[in-house]
């Protein structure tokens, strides 16, 4: 969800991916159909910008169910007009608005594409609606970049394919979730339809924010942990003695510093204690966002609670970190006891050869269009996303195909309108080429 910047060495991708050496020096030129797609996109830039303004001006914060459905209705009508069979998947059981799923059947036996986006925003658009000064290429608004801009690129790439006669043969499923910014719990329910679509796909493409020079072949996970510590309450004059012990706050501090000294190092592994409470009374709400505490300086604190996050690039890295954290927690100071629990949250999108192959296709399309090569984006700079739920299920996945911009999750969110044309052209050419490949995922009989 962060704005792409300069490419840093990817430690986790190692020689890894020796990407530059893997791109053919002879980039195929555009076919006649691809040239038609390029020309169509360029001639519809003003219309595409108006479409983006329209959906940005519909407030659709995650918990604004009516607004999320309204944005979904706009995209649903557009996908209906392209021959997709669409349905709204209600998510009442997890207290969310729902998801838009659209399917278009093409030539049997060819690759099935899964295109991903999300309809919800962090902030409501009624306070942070579309704003553009004159003909400035920068527009402001909630979701303008994350990720209504990406949704519009996805849609107009499909429209360009249709205009050039390329959509007719393509097998495409579109899933626009309604709660990516605050996914419904449990994920087994809120992401069921997304996962089902992933199991039937050969390629997954996500249109979170992009930048032109890089695309995403790996994203880190985003899970949480909760540390609860108890100690013996007593007069502070007796602290450190066997009869009183160290109290919950000292034990909490020992554990957190143990995490720091034992785990800091690998750039793909981060852990952050986001909120801490401790004292004679210490409570956090179930979400871990708000806490209360009470105590006195002359009382040994009997309770402390910490809520934090844990981000890793692979399941193996996550499990290794958890083992170390549990070991540190188990070594209690005298008179104290601590427990730690973990919530998986969003899984990681590990780098794979299949993802790199899709990136090579994307880079070749970019070069054929005259925009230059595209390399892998540093996963350390990227937040979690819906593609992580399906990336392990498909032979290849790629993210970061959306608009350029920044200020995500803040009132200063902006989108670079000049990025819409090249990003849409790249997506259309990539999807058109992938749609010609042979499918590898077995289909139901």
Protein backbone atom coordinates (compact mmCIF):
# COMPACT_ATOMS: atom_id res chain seq x y z
CA UNK A 1 0.00 0.00 0.00
CA UNK A 2 3.03 2.25 -0.04
CA UNK A 3 4.09 4.40 -2.92
CA UNK A 4 6.79 2.65 -4.96
CA UNK A 5 10.23 4.26 -4.72
CA UNK A 6 13.78 3.39 -5.58
CA UNK A 7 14.60 -0.30 -5.77
CA UNK A 8 16.67 -1.60 -2.85
CA UNK A 9 18.54 -4.91 -2.80
CA UNK A 10 16.13 -7.68 -1.95
CA UNK A 11 17.92 -9.81 0.58
CA UNK A 12 15.14 -12.39 0.66
CA UNK A 13 15.08 -12.68 -3.10
CA UNK A 14 18.78 -13.30 -3.16
CA UNK A 15 20.60 -13.46 -6.42
CA UNK A 16 17.22 -13.43 -7.00
CA UNK A 17 16.36 -12.97 -8.75
CA UNK A 18 18.96 -12.04 -11.27
CA UNK A 19 16.05 -10.42 -12.94
CA UNK A 20 17.86 -8.21 -15.40
CA UNK A 21 19.69 -11.17 -16.88
CA UNK A 22 16.45 -13.06 -17.37
CA UNK A 23 14.76 -10.45 -19.58
CA UNK A 24 15.24 -11.16 -23.24
CA UNK A 25 17.24 -8.56 -25.13
CA UNK A 26 14.82 -8.97 -28.02
CA UNK A 27 11.57 -7.56 -26.64
CA UNK A 28 8.67 -8.46 -28.93
CA UNK A 29 7.05 -5.54 -30.64
CA UNK A 30 3.37 -4.78 -30.29
CA UNK A 31 1.00 -6.80 -32.42
CA UNK A 32 -1.68 -5.03 -34.45
CA UNK A 33 -4.26 -5.80 -31.74
CA UNK A 34 -1.95 -4.53 -29.01
CA UNK A 35 -1.40 -1.31 -30.93
CA UNK A 36 -5.16 -0.86 -31.13
CA UNK A 37 -5.41 -1.34 -27.36
CA UNK A 38 -2.70 1.26 -26.80
CA UNK A 39 -4.45 3.77 -29.05
CA UNK A 40 -7.83 3.11 -27.42
CA UNK A 41 -6.43 3.72 -23.93
CA UNK A 42 -4.83 7.00 -24.96
CA UNK A 43 -8.01 8.26 -26.61
CA UNK A 44 -10.08 7.46 -23.49
CA UNK A 45 -7.86 9.05 -20.84
CA UNK A 46 -10.27 11.91 -20.10
CA UNK A 47 -13.17 9.49 -19.77
CA UNK A 48 -11.12 7.23 -17.48
CA UNK A 49 -10.28 10.23 -15.28
CA UNK A 50 -13.96 11.17 -15.01
CA UNK A 51 -14.81 7.59 -14.05
CA UNK A 52 -12.20 7.69 -11.30
CA UNK A 53 -13.57 10.99 -10.01
CA UNK A 54 -17.05 9.49 -9.94
CA UNK A 55 -16.13 6.51 -7.75
CA UNK A 56 -13.84 8.55 -5.48
CA UNK A 57 -16.79 10.84 -4.77
CA UNK A 58 -18.77 7.91 -3.38
CA UNK A 59 -17.82 7.59 0.32
CA UNK A 60 -16.88 3.95 0.91
CA UNK A 61 -14.99 3.49 4.15
CA UNK A 62 -14.89 -0.18 5.12
CA UNK A 63 -17.73 0.13 7.63
CA UNK A 64 -19.86 2.29 5.32
CA UNK A 65 -21.71 -0.69 3.90
CA UNK A 66 -24.07 1.33 1.72
CA UNK A 67 -21.16 3.25 0.22
CA UNK A 68 -19.15 0.11 -0.52
CA UNK A 69 -22.19 -1.39 -2.26
CA UNK A 70 -22.70 1.79 -4.29
CA UNK A 71 -19.13 1.68 -5.59
CA UNK A 72 -19.62 -2.02 -6.29
CA UNK A 73 -22.77 -1.25 -8.28
CA UNK A 74 -20.85 1.18 -10.51
CA UNK A 75 -18.21 -1.40 -11.38
CA UNK A 76 -20.80 -4.16 -11.64
CA UNK A 77 -22.70 -2.34 -14.38
CA UNK A 78 -19.47 -1.71 -16.26
CA UNK A 79 -18.45 -5.36 -16.07
CA UNK A 80 -21.95 -6.46 -17.07
CA UNK A 81 -21.59 -4.36 -20.22
CA UNK A 82 -18.41 -6.29 -21.09
CA UNK A 83 -20.21 -9.63 -20.97
CA UNK A 84 -19.24 -10.68 -17.45
CA UNK A 85 -21.62 -12.62 -15.25
CA UNK A 86 -21.60 -10.70 -11.99
CA UNK A 87 -22.81 -11.39 -8.46
CA UNK A 88 -22.64 -9.64 -5.11
CA UNK A 89 -21.38 -11.87 -2.30
CA UNK A 90 -22.96 -10.68 0.95
CA UNK A 91 -20.76 -10.74 4.06
CA UNK A 92 -23.36 -10.14 6.76
CA UNK A 93 -22.01 -12.97 8.93
CA UNK A 94 -18.66 -11.18 9.36
CA UNK A 95 -20.21 -7.72 9.59
CA UNK A 96 -18.96 -6.40 6.26
CA UNK A 97 -20.62 -5.07 3.10
CA UNK A 98 -19.64 -7.86 0.69
CA UNK A 99 -17.63 -8.49 -2.47
CA UNK A 100 -18.19 -8.15 -6.22
CA UNK A 101 -17.33 -11.24 -8.25
CA UNK A 102 -17.44 -11.21 -12.06
CA UNK A 103 -16.68 -14.08 -14.44
CA UNK A 104 -16.24 -14.16 -18.21
CA UNK A 105 -15.75 -17.43 -20.04
CA UNK A 106 -13.47 -17.47 -23.06
CA UNK A 107 -11.66 -20.04 -25.14
CA UNK A 108 -11.50 -23.44 -23.36
CA UNK A 109 -8.06 -24.62 -22.31
CA UNK A 110 -6.43 -21.18 -22.17
CA UNK A 111 -5.05 -19.53 -19.04
CA UNK A 112 -7.59 -18.29 -16.53
CA UNK A 113 -6.81 -14.80 -15.21
CA UNK A 114 -7.84 -13.61 -11.75
CA UNK A 115 -7.89 -9.80 -11.38
CA UNK A 116 -8.04 -8.29 -7.91
CA UNK A 117 -9.03 -4.97 -6.39
CA UNK A 118 -10.95 -3.59 -3.43
CA UNK A 119 -13.86 -1.19 -3.11
CA UNK A 120 -13.37 0.13 0.42
CA UNK A 121 -11.21 2.98 1.67
CA UNK A 122 -9.68 3.93 5.02
CA UNK A 123 -11.19 7.41 5.07
CA UNK A 124 -14.67 8.44 4.00
CA UNK A 125 -14.96 10.34 0.74
CA UNK A 126 -17.56 12.84 1.98
CA UNK A 127 -14.77 14.65 3.86
CA UNK A 128 -12.01 13.80 1.44
CA UNK A 129 -13.70 13.76 -1.97
CA UNK A 130 -12.20 14.32 -5.40
CA UNK A 131 -10.21 17.53 -5.74
CA UNK A 132 -8.18 18.62 -8.72
CA UNK A 133 -6.79 22.05 -9.40
CA UNK A 134 -7.37 22.97 -13.03
CA UNK A 135 -5.52 20.62 -15.37
CA UNK A 136 -3.08 19.53 -12.69
CA UNK A 137 -2.02 15.90 -13.09
CA UNK A 138 -2.35 15.32 -9.34
CA UNK A 139 -5.80 14.61 -7.87
CA UNK A 140 -6.72 14.29 -4.20
CA UNK A 141 -9.33 12.05 -2.62
CA UNK A 142 -9.98 9.08 -0.37
CA UNK A 143 -9.18 5.94 -2.35
CA UNK A 144 -7.93 7.87 -5.38
CA UNK A 145 -4.72 5.86 -5.17
CA UNK A 146 -5.61 3.00 -2.79
CA UNK A 147 -7.23 1.62 -4.68
CA UNK A 148 -10.01 3.04 -6.79
CA UNK A 149 -7.31 4.20 -9.18
CA UNK A 150 -6.20 0.59 -9.58
CA UNK A 151 -9.78 -0.62 -10.04
CA UNK A 152 -10.27 1.87 -12.86
CA UNK A 153 -7.03 0.73 -14.51
CA UNK A 154 -8.27 -2.88 -14.27
CA UNK A 155 -11.60 -1.93 -15.86
CA UNK A 156 -10.19 0.17 -18.67
CA UNK A 157 -7.61 -2.48 -19.53
CA UNK A 158 -10.52 -4.90 -20.02
CA UNK A 159 -12.35 -2.29 -22.10
CA UNK A 160 -9.27 -1.82 -24.26
CA UNK A 161 -9.07 -5.58 -24.78
CA UNK A 162 -12.74 -5.63 -25.79
CA UNK A 163 -12.26 -2.77 -28.24
CA UNK A 164 -9.37 -4.63 -29.91
CA UNK A 165 -11.21 -7.98 -30.04
CA UNK A 166 -8.92 -9.54 -27.42
CA UNK A 167 -11.42 -10.02 -24.59
CA UNK A 168 -13.66 -12.41 -26.46
CA UNK A 169 -11.29 -15.36 -26.08
CA UNK A 170 -10.03 -14.54 -22.58
CA UNK A 171 -11.00 -16.42 -19.41
CA UNK A 172 -11.20 -13.75 -16.71
CA UNK A 173 -12.49 -13.59 -13.14
CA UNK A 174 -12.59 -10.28 -11.29
CA UNK A 175 -12.87 -10.11 -7.48
CA UNK A 176 -13.30 -6.68 -5.90
CA UNK A 177 -13.42 -7.15 -2.13
CA UNK A 178 -15.35 -4.78 0.10
CA UNK A 179 -13.20 -4.98 3.23
CA UNK A 180 -9.52 -5.13 2.32
CA UNK A 181 -8.65 -2.24 4.62
CA UNK A 182 -10.24 -4.02 7.60
CA UNK A 183 -11.04 -7.59 6.64
CA UNK A 184 -13.93 -9.38 8.29
CA UNK A 185 -13.18 -12.02 10.88
CA UNK A 186 -12.72 -14.93 10.45
CA UNK A 187 -10.78 -14.79 7.19
CA UNK A 188 -11.96 -18.31 6.41
CA UNK A 189 -15.35 -16.69 5.74
CA UNK A 190 -14.45 -13.19 4.54
CA UNK A 191 -11.90 -14.52 2.01
CA UNK A 192 -13.64 -17.75 1.04
CA UNK A 193 -14.79 -16.58 -2.41
CA UNK A 194 -11.41 -15.00 -3.11
CA UNK A 195 -9.61 -18.24 -2.24
CA UNK A 196 -12.05 -20.28 -4.32
CA UNK A 197 -11.32 -18.04 -7.30
CA UNK A 198 -7.59 -18.48 -6.70
CA UNK A 199 -7.86 -22.25 -6.78
CA UNK A 200 -9.36 -22.04 -10.28
CA UNK A 201 -6.83 -19.55 -11.68
CA UNK A 202 -3.55 -19.80 -13.55
CA UNK A 203 -2.47 -16.21 -12.92
CA UNK A 204 -3.43 -13.64 -10.27
CA UNK A 205 -2.94 -9.94 -10.96
CA UNK A 206 -3.62 -7.28 -8.35
CA UNK A 207 -3.99 -3.57 -9.05
CA UNK A 208 -2.74 -2.02 -5.82
CA UNK A 209 -0.66 1.13 -6.32
CA UNK A 210 2.13 0.98 -8.87
CA UNK A 211 4.81 3.24 -10.19
CA UNK A 212 5.92 2.08 -13.61
CA UNK A 213 9.51 1.04 -12.86
CA UNK A 214 8.65 -1.79 -10.47
CA UNK A 215 5.96 -4.37 -9.76
CA UNK A 216 5.40 -6.64 -6.79
CA UNK A 217 6.38 -10.32 -6.74
CA UNK A 218 6.47 -10.57 -2.93
CA UNK A 219 4.58 -9.05 0.00
CA UNK A 220 5.08 -9.61 3.69
CA UNK A 221 2.48 -11.01 6.03
CA UNK A 222 0.67 -8.88 8.62
CA UNK A 223 -0.20 -10.76 11.81
CA UNK A 224 -0.59 -9.69 15.42
CA UNK A 225 0.54 -10.87 18.83
CA UNK A 226 -0.73 -10.21 22.32
CA UNK A 227 1.46 -10.44 25.42
CA UNK A 228 -0.19 -10.72 28.83
CA UNK A 229 1.94 -10.50 31.98
CA UNK A 230 1.03 -10.97 35.65
CA UNK A 231 3.00 -10.32 38.82
CA UNK A 232 2.57 -10.12 42.57
CA UNK A 233 1.00 -6.90 43.76
CA UNK A 234 2.69 -5.41 46.79
CA UNK A 235 4.48 -2.41 48.29
CA UNK A 236 7.17 -1.00 46.03
CA UNK A 237 9.68 -1.08 48.87
CA UNK A 238 9.82 -4.85 48.47
CA UNK A 239 10.40 -4.94 44.71
CA UNK A 240 13.09 -7.42 43.52
CA UNK A 241 12.90 -9.45 46.77
CA UNK A 242 11.89 -13.09 46.57
CA UNK A 243 8.65 -12.41 48.42
CA UNK A 244 7.53 -9.74 45.94
CA UNK A 245 9.37 -10.37 42.70
CA UNK A 246 9.84 -7.94 39.85
CA UNK A 247 6.26 -7.13 38.92
CA UNK A 248 4.52 -7.25 35.56
CA UNK A 249 6.02 -4.10 34.05
CA UNK A 250 9.63 -5.17 34.54
CA UNK A 251 8.78 -8.58 33.09
CA UNK A 252 7.08 -6.94 30.12
CA UNK A 253 10.17 -4.76 29.56
CA UNK A 254 12.46 -7.81 29.75
CA UNK A 255 10.40 -9.66 27.15
CA UNK A 256 10.22 -6.74 24.71
CA UNK A 257 13.94 -6.13 24.98
CA UNK A 258 14.50 -9.84 24.45
CA UNK A 259 12.55 -9.62 21.21
CA UNK A 260 14.75 -6.70 20.16
CA UNK A 261 18.07 -8.35 20.96
CA UNK A 262 17.20 -11.81 19.61
CA UNK A 263 15.16 -11.05 16.50
CA UNK A 264 16.36 -7.76 15.01
CA UNK A 265 18.46 -8.45 11.92
CA UNK A 266 16.73 -9.94 8.86
CA UNK A 267 15.23 -6.98 6.96
CA UNK A 268 12.16 -8.99 5.99
CA UNK A 269 11.25 -9.64 9.66
CA UNK A 270 9.73 -6.83 11.73
CA UNK A 271 7.75 -6.81 14.96
CA UNK A 272 6.29 -3.78 16.66
CA UNK A 273 4.69 -3.33 20.12
CA UNK A 274 2.01 -0.87 19.10
CA UNK A 275 0.20 -0.35 22.40
CA UNK A 276 1.23 -1.05 26.01
CA UNK A 277 -0.69 -0.77 29.30
CA UNK A 278 0.40 -1.74 32.80
CA UNK A 279 -0.36 -1.12 36.45
CA UNK A 280 -2.70 -2.33 39.18
CA UNK A 281 -5.34 -2.32 36.44
CA UNK A 282 -4.54 -2.78 32.74
CA UNK A 283 -6.95 -3.68 29.97
CA UNK A 284 -7.03 -3.59 26.17
CA UNK A 285 -10.17 -3.88 24.07
CA UNK A 286 -10.63 -7.01 21.97
CA UNK A 287 -9.27 -5.28 18.86
CA UNK A 288 -6.19 -4.06 20.69
CA UNK A 289 -6.74 -0.44 19.67
CA UNK A 290 -7.66 1.15 23.02
CA UNK A 291 -6.46 0.54 26.56
CA UNK A 292 -6.90 1.75 30.13
CA UNK A 293 -4.49 1.60 33.04
CA UNK A 294 -4.36 2.66 36.69
CA UNK A 295 -1.73 2.37 39.39
CA UNK A 296 0.45 4.11 41.95
CA UNK A 297 4.18 4.65 42.13
CA UNK A 298 4.39 2.78 45.44
CA UNK A 299 2.61 -0.36 44.20
CA UNK A 300 4.30 -3.19 42.29
CA UNK A 301 2.28 -3.57 39.11
CA UNK A 302 0.46 -6.91 38.92
CA UNK A 303 -0.61 -6.65 35.29
CA UNK A 304 0.68 -5.56 31.86
CA UNK A 305 -0.67 -6.11 28.34
CA UNK A 306 0.99 -5.47 24.97
CA UNK A 307 -0.48 -5.70 21.47
CA UNK A 308 1.89 -5.76 18.51
CA UNK A 309 2.31 -6.83 14.92
CA UNK A 310 4.60 -9.34 13.19
CA UNK A 311 5.54 -9.17 9.50
CA UNK A 312 7.47 -11.84 7.60
CA UNK A 313 8.17 -12.80 4.01
CA UNK A 314 7.45 -16.51 4.38
CA UNK A 315 5.67 -19.01 6.61
CA UNK A 316 9.03 -20.46 7.66
CA UNK A 317 10.29 -17.05 8.78
CA UNK A 318 7.06 -16.44 10.69
CA UNK A 319 7.19 -19.76 12.54
CA UNK A 320 10.87 -19.31 13.41
CA UNK A 321 10.16 -15.88 14.88
CA UNK A 322 7.22 -17.20 16.88
CA UNK A 323 9.34 -20.00 18.36
CA UNK A 324 11.94 -17.48 19.52
CA UNK A 325 9.29 -15.17 20.97
CA UNK A 326 7.67 -18.02 22.90
CA UNK A 327 11.07 -19.05 24.28
CA UNK A 328 11.78 -15.52 25.50
CA UNK A 329 8.35 -15.26 27.11
CA UNK A 330 8.82 -18.55 28.97
CA UNK A 331 11.88 -17.33 30.92
CA UNK A 332 9.98 -15.35 33.55
CA UNK A 333 11.54 -13.10 36.14
CA UNK A 334 10.85 -14.09 39.79
CA UNK A 335 7.26 -13.54 40.85
CA UNK A 336 5.92 -13.11 37.30
CA UNK A 337 4.26 -15.13 34.58
CA UNK A 338 3.60 -14.30 30.92
CA UNK A 339 1.75 -15.73 27.94
CA UNK A 340 1.81 -14.77 24.27
CA UNK A 341 -0.78 -15.53 21.60
CA UNK A 342 -0.63 -14.99 17.86
CA UNK A 343 -3.17 -14.16 15.14
CA UNK A 344 -2.18 -15.03 11.57
CA UNK A 345 -3.88 -12.02 9.97
CA UNK A 346 -2.84 -11.61 6.34
CA UNK A 347 -0.49 -14.27 4.95
CA UNK A 348 2.71 -13.51 3.06
CA UNK A 349 3.18 -13.56 -0.69
CA UNK A 350 6.52 -15.33 -0.97
CA UNK A 351 8.73 -14.70 -4.03
CA UNK A 352 8.52 -17.60 -6.48
CA UNK A 353 9.87 -18.41 -9.95
CA UNK A 354 6.27 -18.28 -11.21
CA UNK A 355 5.84 -14.73 -9.95
CA UNK A 356 9.12 -13.76 -11.59
CA UNK A 357 7.91 -15.22 -14.89
CA UNK A 358 4.82 -13.01 -14.81
CA UNK A 359 7.02 -10.00 -14.04
CA UNK A 360 9.15 -10.82 -17.09
CA UNK A 361 5.98 -10.79 -19.21
CA UNK A 362 4.98 -7.46 -17.69
CA UNK A 363 8.43 -5.98 -18.30
CA UNK A 364 8.37 -7.17 -21.92
CA UNK A 365 4.96 -5.55 -22.42
CA UNK A 366 6.26 -2.31 -20.90
CA UNK A 367 9.29 -2.31 -23.18
CA UNK A 368 7.21 -3.03 -26.25
CA UNK A 369 5.08 -0.01 -25.36
CA UNK A 370 8.20 2.14 -25.03
CA UNK A 371 8.11 2.57 -21.25
CA UNK A 372 11.24 0.62 -20.37
CA UNK A 373 11.92 -2.42 -18.22
CA UNK A 374 10.09 -3.17 -14.96
CA UNK A 375 11.90 -4.76 -12.00
CA UNK A 376 10.83 -6.28 -8.66
CA UNK A 377 9.70 -3.96 -5.87
CA UNK A 378 11.24 -4.30 -2.42
CA UNK A 379 8.74 -6.27 -0.28
CA UNK A 380 10.04 -4.57 2.88
CA UNK A 381 8.31 -1.40 1.71
CA UNK A 382 5.00 -3.05 0.97
CA UNK A 383 2.05 -3.69 3.27
CA UNK A 384 -0.16 -6.77 3.22
CA UNK A 385 -2.79 -7.29 0.54
CA UNK A 386 -5.52 -9.60 -0.70
CA UNK A 387 -3.28 -11.19 -3.32
CA UNK A 388 -1.44 -12.98 -0.51
CA UNK A 389 -4.47 -15.20 0.04
CA UNK A 390 -4.30 -16.55 -3.53
CA UNK A 391 -0.61 -16.27 -4.48
CA UNK A 392 0.26 -19.70 -2.98
CA UNK A 393 -2.58 -21.25 -5.00
CA UNK A 394 -1.62 -20.04 -8.50
CA UNK A 395 1.37 -20.80 -10.73
CA UNK A 396 2.16 -17.07 -10.95
CA UNK A 397 1.07 -13.81 -9.32
CA UNK A 398 1.92 -10.12 -9.66
CA UNK A 399 0.83 -7.01 -7.77
CA UNK A 400 1.48 -3.28 -7.97
CA UNK A 401 -0.24 -2.82 -11.34
CA UNK A 402 -2.31 0.17 -10.21
CA UNK A 403 -1.87 3.92 -10.34
CA UNK A 404 1.06 5.93 -9.03
CA UNK A 405 0.41 8.15 -6.04
CA UNK A 406 0.93 8.37 -2.33
CA UNK A 407 -0.36 9.50 1.02
CA UNK A 408 -2.29 6.27 1.50
CA UNK A 409 -4.27 5.90 4.73
CA UNK A 410 -4.11 9.64 5.31
CA UNK A 411 -6.12 12.75 4.38
CA UNK A 412 -3.26 13.67 1.99
CA UNK A 413 -3.89 10.73 -0.38
CA UNK A 414 -3.14 11.63 -4.01
CA UNK A 415 -3.10 9.94 -7.40
CA UNK A 416 -0.93 10.82 -10.38
CA UNK A 417 -3.37 10.95 -13.30
CA UNK A 418 -0.51 10.78 -15.80
CA UNK A 419 0.10 7.21 -14.63
CA UNK A 420 -3.33 5.96 -15.70
CA UNK A 421 -2.48 5.66 -19.40
CA UNK A 422 0.83 3.73 -19.20
CA UNK A 423 -0.43 1.48 -16.38
CA UNK A 424 -3.61 0.66 -18.30
CA UNK A 425 -1.68 0.00 -21.50
CA UNK A 426 0.76 -2.31 -19.71
CA UNK A 427 -2.07 -4.21 -18.04
CA UNK A 428 -4.02 -4.63 -21.27
CA UNK A 429 -1.02 -5.97 -23.19
CA UNK A 430 0.03 -8.25 -20.33
CA UNK A 431 -3.47 -9.69 -19.89
CA UNK A 432 -3.90 -10.16 -23.61
CA UNK A 433 -0.64 -12.11 -23.88
CA UNK A 434 -1.29 -14.22 -20.79
CA UNK A 435 -4.78 -15.04 -22.04
CA UNK A 436 -3.22 -16.73 -25.08
CA UNK A 437 -1.22 -19.17 -22.96
CA UNK A 438 -2.30 -22.71 -22.27
CA UNK A 439 -4.04 -23.19 -18.93
CA UNK A 440 -2.34 -25.36 -16.35
CA UNK A 441 -4.99 -25.52 -13.62
CA UNK A 442 -7.27 -28.58 -13.88
CA UNK A 443 -10.88 -27.61 -14.51
CA UNK A 444 -13.89 -29.30 -12.90
CA UNK A 445 -15.42 -31.97 -15.12
